[in-house]
Amino acid sequence: MKILARWFLLAAALLLVANLYPGVTVHGFGAALIAAFVLGLLNTLVRPLLVLLTLPVTLITLGLFLFVINALMFWAAASVLDGFRVAGFGAALIGSVFYSLCGMVIDAAVEQLFGRPAL
């Protein structure tokens, strides 16, 4: 239940980002659901490998290169999907920052609502 609530809220956050920033477009809630799923997959499967491969650059930039990796994941998801578009890398960077901020708020709200599972 918790993962479904988080997924739906992240899709709504993607629609919010598309409404707030003109460089990101999402064509409907269905496309937002699929985009949120693909973003989750990319962040789970590809992002750790990219973080590991770019660790020296990330250390030199004191972690700021992680913004570039997030933007690449955002841009990659938009390039694979039909209903989700990003105007360019700058739009992907700004959109990923907005989406990440929404994700942090959503994670806190979901944890508050559903609580942590017992181990």
N, C-alpha and C. Protein backbone atom coordinates (compact mmCIF):
# COMPACT_ATOMS: atom_id res chain seq x y z
N MET A 1 0.81 -1.18 0.00
CA MET A 1 0.00 0.00 0.00
C MET A 1 0.87 1.26 0.00
N LYS A 2 1.94 1.18 0.80
CA LYS A 2 2.84 2.32 0.93
C LYS A 2 3.52 2.64 -0.41
N ILE A 3 3.96 1.63 -1.12
CA ILE A 3 4.65 1.85 -2.39
C ILE A 3 3.70 2.40 -3.46
N LEU A 4 2.45 1.95 -3.43
CA LEU A 4 1.46 2.47 -4.38
C LEU A 4 1.14 3.93 -4.10
N ALA A 5 1.00 4.27 -2.83
CA ALA A 5 0.74 5.67 -2.46
C ALA A 5 1.90 6.55 -2.89
N ARG A 6 3.12 6.08 -2.66
CA ARG A 6 4.31 6.84 -3.06
C ARG A 6 4.36 7.01 -4.57
N TRP A 7 4.04 5.95 -5.31
CA TRP A 7 4.07 5.99 -6.77
C TRP A 7 3.05 7.00 -7.31
N PHE A 8 1.83 6.97 -6.79
CA PHE A 8 0.80 7.91 -7.24
C PHE A 8 1.17 9.35 -6.89
N LEU A 9 1.73 9.54 -5.69
CA LEU A 9 2.13 10.89 -5.29
C LEU A 9 3.30 11.41 -6.11
N LEU A 10 4.24 10.53 -6.48
CA LEU A 10 5.35 10.95 -7.32
C LEU A 10 4.87 11.28 -8.73
N ALA A 11 3.86 10.57 -9.22
CA ALA A 11 3.28 10.90 -10.52
C ALA A 11 2.61 12.27 -10.46
N ALA A 12 1.91 12.54 -9.36
CA ALA A 12 1.30 13.85 -9.19
C ALA A 12 2.37 14.94 -9.08
N ALA A 13 3.49 14.62 -8.44
CA ALA A 13 4.60 15.57 -8.34
C ALA A 13 5.19 15.86 -9.72
N LEU A 14 5.23 14.86 -10.56
CA LEU A 14 5.72 15.06 -11.93
C LEU A 14 4.79 15.99 -12.71
N LEU A 15 3.50 15.85 -12.49
CA LEU A 15 2.54 16.78 -13.11
C LEU A 15 2.71 18.19 -12.55
N LEU A 16 3.00 18.28 -11.27
CA LEU A 16 3.24 19.59 -10.66
C LEU A 16 4.47 20.26 -11.27
N VAL A 17 5.54 19.48 -11.44
CA VAL A 17 6.76 20.01 -12.05
C VAL A 17 6.47 20.49 -13.47
N ALA A 18 5.67 19.72 -14.21
CA ALA A 18 5.33 20.10 -15.58
C ALA A 18 4.49 21.38 -15.61
N ASN A 19 3.66 21.59 -14.59
CA ASN A 19 2.86 22.81 -14.53
C ASN A 19 3.67 24.02 -14.08
N LEU A 20 4.67 23.78 -13.22
CA LEU A 20 5.47 24.89 -12.70
C LEU A 20 6.57 25.32 -13.67
N TYR A 21 7.13 24.39 -14.41
CA TYR A 21 8.27 24.69 -15.26
C TYR A 21 7.94 24.34 -16.71
N PRO A 22 8.02 25.31 -17.62
CA PRO A 22 7.61 25.06 -19.00
C PRO A 22 8.55 24.15 -19.80
N GLY A 23 9.74 23.86 -19.30
CA GLY A 23 10.67 22.99 -20.01
C GLY A 23 10.32 21.52 -19.89
N VAL A 24 9.41 21.19 -18.99
CA VAL A 24 8.98 19.80 -18.77
C VAL A 24 7.51 19.70 -19.12
N THR A 25 7.15 18.72 -19.95
CA THR A 25 5.74 18.49 -20.30
C THR A 25 5.38 17.04 -20.05
N VAL A 26 4.19 16.85 -19.50
CA VAL A 26 3.64 15.51 -19.26
C VAL A 26 2.22 15.52 -19.81
N HIS A 27 1.90 14.54 -20.62
CA HIS A 27 0.58 14.46 -21.25
C HIS A 27 -0.35 13.55 -20.46
N GLY A 28 -0.86 14.03 -19.35
CA GLY A 28 -1.86 13.29 -18.58
C GLY A 28 -1.28 12.51 -17.42
N PHE A 29 -2.20 12.06 -16.57
CA PHE A 29 -1.80 11.34 -15.36
C PHE A 29 -1.26 9.95 -15.69
N GLY A 30 -1.80 9.33 -16.73
CA GLY A 30 -1.30 8.00 -17.13
C GLY A 30 0.16 8.07 -17.55
N ALA A 31 0.50 9.09 -18.34
CA ALA A 31 1.89 9.27 -18.74
C ALA A 31 2.76 9.59 -17.54
N ALA A 32 2.22 10.33 -16.57
CA ALA A 32 2.97 10.65 -15.36
C ALA A 32 3.23 9.39 -14.53
N LEU A 33 2.24 8.50 -14.47
CA LEU A 33 2.44 7.23 -13.75
C LEU A 33 3.55 6.40 -14.38
N ILE A 34 3.53 6.31 -15.70
CA ILE A 34 4.56 5.54 -16.40
C ILE A 34 5.92 6.20 -16.24
N ALA A 35 5.96 7.53 -16.33
CA ALA A 35 7.22 8.25 -16.17
C ALA A 35 7.78 8.10 -14.76
N ALA A 36 6.92 8.15 -13.76
CA ALA A 36 7.38 7.96 -12.38
C ALA A 36 7.93 6.55 -12.18
N PHE A 37 7.30 5.57 -12.82
CA PHE A 37 7.79 4.18 -12.74
C PHE A 37 9.15 4.05 -13.41
N VAL A 38 9.30 4.62 -14.61
CA VAL A 38 10.57 4.54 -15.33
C VAL A 38 11.66 5.30 -14.58
N LEU A 39 11.32 6.46 -14.03
CA LEU A 39 12.30 7.19 -13.23
C LEU A 39 12.74 6.37 -12.02
N GLY A 40 11.80 5.70 -11.38
CA GLY A 40 12.15 4.84 -10.26
C GLY A 40 13.06 3.70 -10.66
N LEU A 41 12.77 3.09 -11.81
CA LEU A 41 13.63 2.00 -12.30
C LEU A 41 15.03 2.50 -12.63
N LEU A 42 15.11 3.62 -13.33
CA LEU A 42 16.42 4.17 -13.68
C LEU A 42 17.21 4.54 -12.43
N ASN A 43 16.54 5.14 -11.46
CA ASN A 43 17.23 5.53 -10.22
C ASN A 43 17.65 4.33 -9.40
N THR A 44 16.94 3.22 -9.56
CA THR A 44 17.29 2.01 -8.81
C THR A 44 18.38 1.20 -9.50
N LEU A 45 18.34 1.11 -10.82
CA LEU A 45 19.24 0.23 -11.55
C LEU A 45 20.47 0.94 -12.13
N VAL A 46 20.29 2.10 -12.73
CA VAL A 46 21.38 2.75 -13.46
C VAL A 46 22.13 3.77 -12.60
N ARG A 47 21.41 4.51 -11.79
CA ARG A 47 22.03 5.59 -11.02
C ARG A 47 23.16 5.12 -10.11
N PRO A 48 23.02 4.00 -9.37
CA PRO A 48 24.15 3.57 -8.53
C PRO A 48 25.42 3.28 -9.33
N LEU A 49 25.28 2.73 -10.52
CA LEU A 49 26.44 2.47 -11.37
C LEU A 49 27.09 3.78 -11.82
N LEU A 50 26.26 4.75 -12.21
CA LEU A 50 26.80 6.06 -12.61
C LEU A 50 27.48 6.77 -11.44
N VAL A 51 26.90 6.66 -10.27
CA VAL A 51 27.50 7.29 -9.08
C VAL A 51 28.86 6.66 -8.79
N LEU A 52 28.94 5.36 -8.92
CA LEU A 52 30.21 4.66 -8.69
C LEU A 52 31.25 5.02 -9.73
N LEU A 53 30.85 5.07 -11.00
CA LEU A 53 31.80 5.38 -12.07
C LEU A 53 32.29 6.83 -12.03
N THR A 54 31.47 7.72 -11.54
CA THR A 54 31.84 9.14 -11.50
C THR A 54 32.25 9.59 -10.10
N LEU A 55 32.61 8.66 -9.25
CA LEU A 55 32.97 9.00 -7.87
C LEU A 55 34.11 10.01 -7.77
N PRO A 56 35.17 9.89 -8.56
CA PRO A 56 36.23 10.92 -8.45
C PRO A 56 35.73 12.33 -8.79
N VAL A 57 34.91 12.45 -9.83
CA VAL A 57 34.37 13.76 -10.20
C VAL A 57 33.43 14.27 -9.11
N THR A 58 32.65 13.37 -8.55
CA THR A 58 31.73 13.75 -7.47
C THR A 58 32.49 14.24 -6.25
N LEU A 59 33.59 13.59 -5.93
CA LEU A 59 34.39 14.03 -4.79
C LEU A 59 35.05 15.38 -5.05
N ILE A 60 35.55 15.58 -6.27
CA ILE A 60 36.20 16.85 -6.60
C ILE A 60 35.20 18.00 -6.54
N THR A 61 33.98 17.76 -7.00
CA THR A 61 32.96 18.81 -7.01
C THR A 61 32.17 18.86 -5.70
N LEU A 62 32.62 18.13 -4.70
CA LEU A 62 31.99 18.09 -3.38
C LEU A 62 30.52 17.67 -3.46
N GLY A 63 30.21 16.74 -4.35
CA GLY A 63 28.87 16.18 -4.46
C GLY A 63 27.96 16.89 -5.44
N LEU A 64 28.39 18.01 -5.99
CA LEU A 64 27.52 18.75 -6.91
C LEU A 64 27.29 18.00 -8.22
N PHE A 65 28.18 17.08 -8.57
CA PHE A 65 28.01 16.31 -9.80
C PHE A 65 26.79 15.38 -9.71
N LEU A 66 26.33 15.10 -8.50
CA LEU A 66 25.12 14.29 -8.34
C LEU A 66 23.91 14.96 -8.96
N PHE A 67 23.90 16.31 -9.01
CA PHE A 67 22.83 17.02 -9.71
C PHE A 67 22.83 16.67 -11.19
N VAL A 68 24.03 16.55 -11.76
CA VAL A 68 24.15 16.19 -13.18
C VAL A 68 23.65 14.77 -13.40
N ILE A 69 23.97 13.87 -12.50
CA ILE A 69 23.50 12.48 -12.63
C ILE A 69 21.98 12.42 -12.53
N ASN A 70 21.40 13.17 -11.59
CA ASN A 70 19.93 13.22 -11.48
C ASN A 70 19.30 13.77 -12.75
N ALA A 71 19.92 14.81 -13.31
CA ALA A 71 19.40 15.38 -14.56
C ALA A 71 19.50 14.39 -15.70
N LEU A 72 20.57 13.62 -15.75
CA LEU A 72 20.71 12.59 -16.79
C LEU A 72 19.64 11.52 -16.67
N MET A 73 19.31 11.12 -15.45
CA MET A 73 18.25 10.13 -15.25
C MET A 73 16.90 10.69 -15.69
N PHE A 74 16.66 11.95 -15.36
CA PHE A 74 15.41 12.63 -15.74
C PHE A 74 15.31 12.73 -17.27
N TRP A 75 16.42 13.12 -17.89
CA TRP A 75 16.47 13.27 -19.34
C TRP A 75 16.34 11.92 -20.04
N ALA A 76 16.97 10.88 -19.48
CA ALA A 76 16.89 9.54 -20.06
C ALA A 76 15.46 9.01 -20.01
N ALA A 77 14.77 9.24 -18.91
CA ALA A 77 13.38 8.79 -18.82
C ALA A 77 12.52 9.50 -19.85
N ALA A 78 12.78 10.79 -20.05
CA ALA A 78 11.99 11.56 -21.03
C ALA A 78 12.30 11.11 -22.45
N SER A 79 13.51 10.66 -22.69
CA SER A 79 13.85 10.24 -24.05
C SER A 79 13.25 8.89 -24.41
N VAL A 80 12.93 8.08 -23.42
CA VAL A 80 12.37 6.75 -23.70
C VAL A 80 10.85 6.77 -23.80
N LEU A 81 10.21 7.75 -23.19
CA LEU A 81 8.75 7.78 -23.10
C LEU A 81 8.14 8.76 -24.09
N ASP A 82 6.90 8.47 -24.51
CA ASP A 82 6.20 9.34 -25.45
C ASP A 82 5.50 10.50 -24.76
N GLY A 83 4.87 10.29 -23.64
CA GLY A 83 4.06 11.32 -23.00
C GLY A 83 4.82 12.22 -22.04
N PHE A 84 6.13 12.08 -21.99
CA PHE A 84 6.96 12.83 -21.06
C PHE A 84 8.10 13.46 -21.86
N ARG A 85 8.18 14.79 -21.87
CA ARG A 85 9.17 15.50 -22.66
C ARG A 85 9.94 16.50 -21.78
N VAL A 86 11.23 16.62 -22.10
CA VAL A 86 12.10 17.61 -21.45
C VAL A 86 12.79 18.37 -22.57
N ALA A 87 12.80 19.70 -22.47
CA ALA A 87 13.29 20.55 -23.56
C ALA A 87 14.79 20.41 -23.80
N GLY A 88 15.57 20.15 -22.80
CA GLY A 88 17.02 20.03 -22.94
C GLY A 88 17.64 19.69 -21.61
N PHE A 89 18.99 19.72 -21.59
CA PHE A 89 19.65 19.34 -20.36
C PHE A 89 19.38 20.33 -19.23
N GLY A 90 19.33 21.61 -19.54
CA GLY A 90 19.03 22.62 -18.51
C GLY A 90 17.65 22.41 -17.92
N ALA A 91 16.69 22.10 -18.78
CA ALA A 91 15.34 21.81 -18.30
C ALA A 91 15.33 20.54 -17.46
N ALA A 92 16.13 19.56 -17.86
CA ALA A 92 16.22 18.31 -17.08
C ALA A 92 16.83 18.58 -15.71
N LEU A 93 17.81 19.47 -15.66
CA LEU A 93 18.44 19.80 -14.38
C LEU A 93 17.46 20.49 -13.44
N ILE A 94 16.77 21.49 -13.94
CA ILE A 94 15.80 22.21 -13.12
C ILE A 94 14.62 21.31 -12.75
N GLY A 95 14.13 20.55 -13.72
CA GLY A 95 13.01 19.64 -13.46
C GLY A 95 13.38 18.56 -12.45
N SER A 96 14.60 18.04 -12.53
CA SER A 96 15.00 17.00 -11.58
C SER A 96 15.16 17.56 -10.17
N VAL A 97 15.58 18.81 -10.05
CA VAL A 97 15.69 19.43 -8.73
C VAL A 97 14.30 19.60 -8.12
N PHE A 98 13.35 20.12 -8.92
CA PHE A 98 11.97 20.26 -8.43
C PHE A 98 11.39 18.90 -8.05
N TYR A 99 11.60 17.91 -8.91
CA TYR A 99 11.06 16.56 -8.68
C TYR A 99 11.69 15.94 -7.43
N SER A 100 12.98 16.16 -7.21
CA SER A 100 13.64 15.63 -6.02
C SER A 100 13.12 16.28 -4.75
N LEU A 101 12.89 17.59 -4.80
CA LEU A 101 12.33 18.27 -3.64
C LEU A 101 10.93 17.75 -3.31
N CYS A 102 10.12 17.56 -4.36
CA CYS A 102 8.79 16.98 -4.14
C CYS A 102 8.90 15.56 -3.58
N GLY A 103 9.87 14.80 -4.08
CA GLY A 103 10.08 13.43 -3.60
C GLY A 103 10.45 13.38 -2.14
N MET A 104 11.26 14.33 -1.68
CA MET A 104 11.62 14.38 -0.26
C MET A 104 10.40 14.66 0.60
N VAL A 105 9.56 15.59 0.16
CA VAL A 105 8.34 15.91 0.91
C VAL A 105 7.41 14.69 0.92
N ILE A 106 7.28 14.03 -0.22
CA ILE A 106 6.41 12.86 -0.32
C ILE A 106 6.91 11.74 0.57
N ASP A 107 8.23 11.49 0.57
CA ASP A 107 8.79 10.45 1.43
C ASP A 107 8.51 10.72 2.90
N ALA A 108 8.67 11.96 3.31
CA ALA A 108 8.39 12.31 4.71
C ALA A 108 6.92 12.13 5.03
N ALA A 109 6.04 12.53 4.11
CA ALA A 109 4.60 12.39 4.35
C ALA A 109 4.17 10.93 4.40
N VAL A 110 4.71 10.13 3.50
CA VAL A 110 4.35 8.71 3.47
C VAL A 110 4.86 8.00 4.71
N GLU A 111 6.07 8.34 5.15
CA GLU A 111 6.60 7.74 6.38
C GLU A 111 5.77 8.16 7.59
N GLN A 112 5.32 9.40 7.60
CA GLN A 112 4.49 9.89 8.70
C GLN A 112 3.14 9.18 8.70
N LEU A 113 2.59 8.98 7.52
CA LEU A 113 1.27 8.39 7.41
C LEU A 113 1.27 6.89 7.66
N PHE A 114 2.21 6.19 7.04
CA PHE A 114 2.24 4.73 7.13
C PHE A 114 3.20 4.20 8.17
N GLY A 115 4.17 5.00 8.57
CA GLY A 115 5.15 4.56 9.55
C GLY A 115 6.18 3.63 8.96
N ARG A 116 7.20 3.37 9.70
CA ARG A 116 8.25 2.46 9.26
C ARG A 116 7.84 1.03 9.59
N PRO A 117 8.19 0.09 8.71
CA PRO A 117 7.86 -1.31 9.02
C PRO A 117 8.72 -1.85 10.15
N ALA A 118 8.15 -2.74 10.93
CA ALA A 118 8.89 -3.37 12.04
C ALA A 118 9.83 -4.42 11.48
N LEU A 119 11.03 -4.51 12.05
CA LEU A 119 12.01 -5.50 11.58
C LEU A 119 11.97 -6.73 12.39
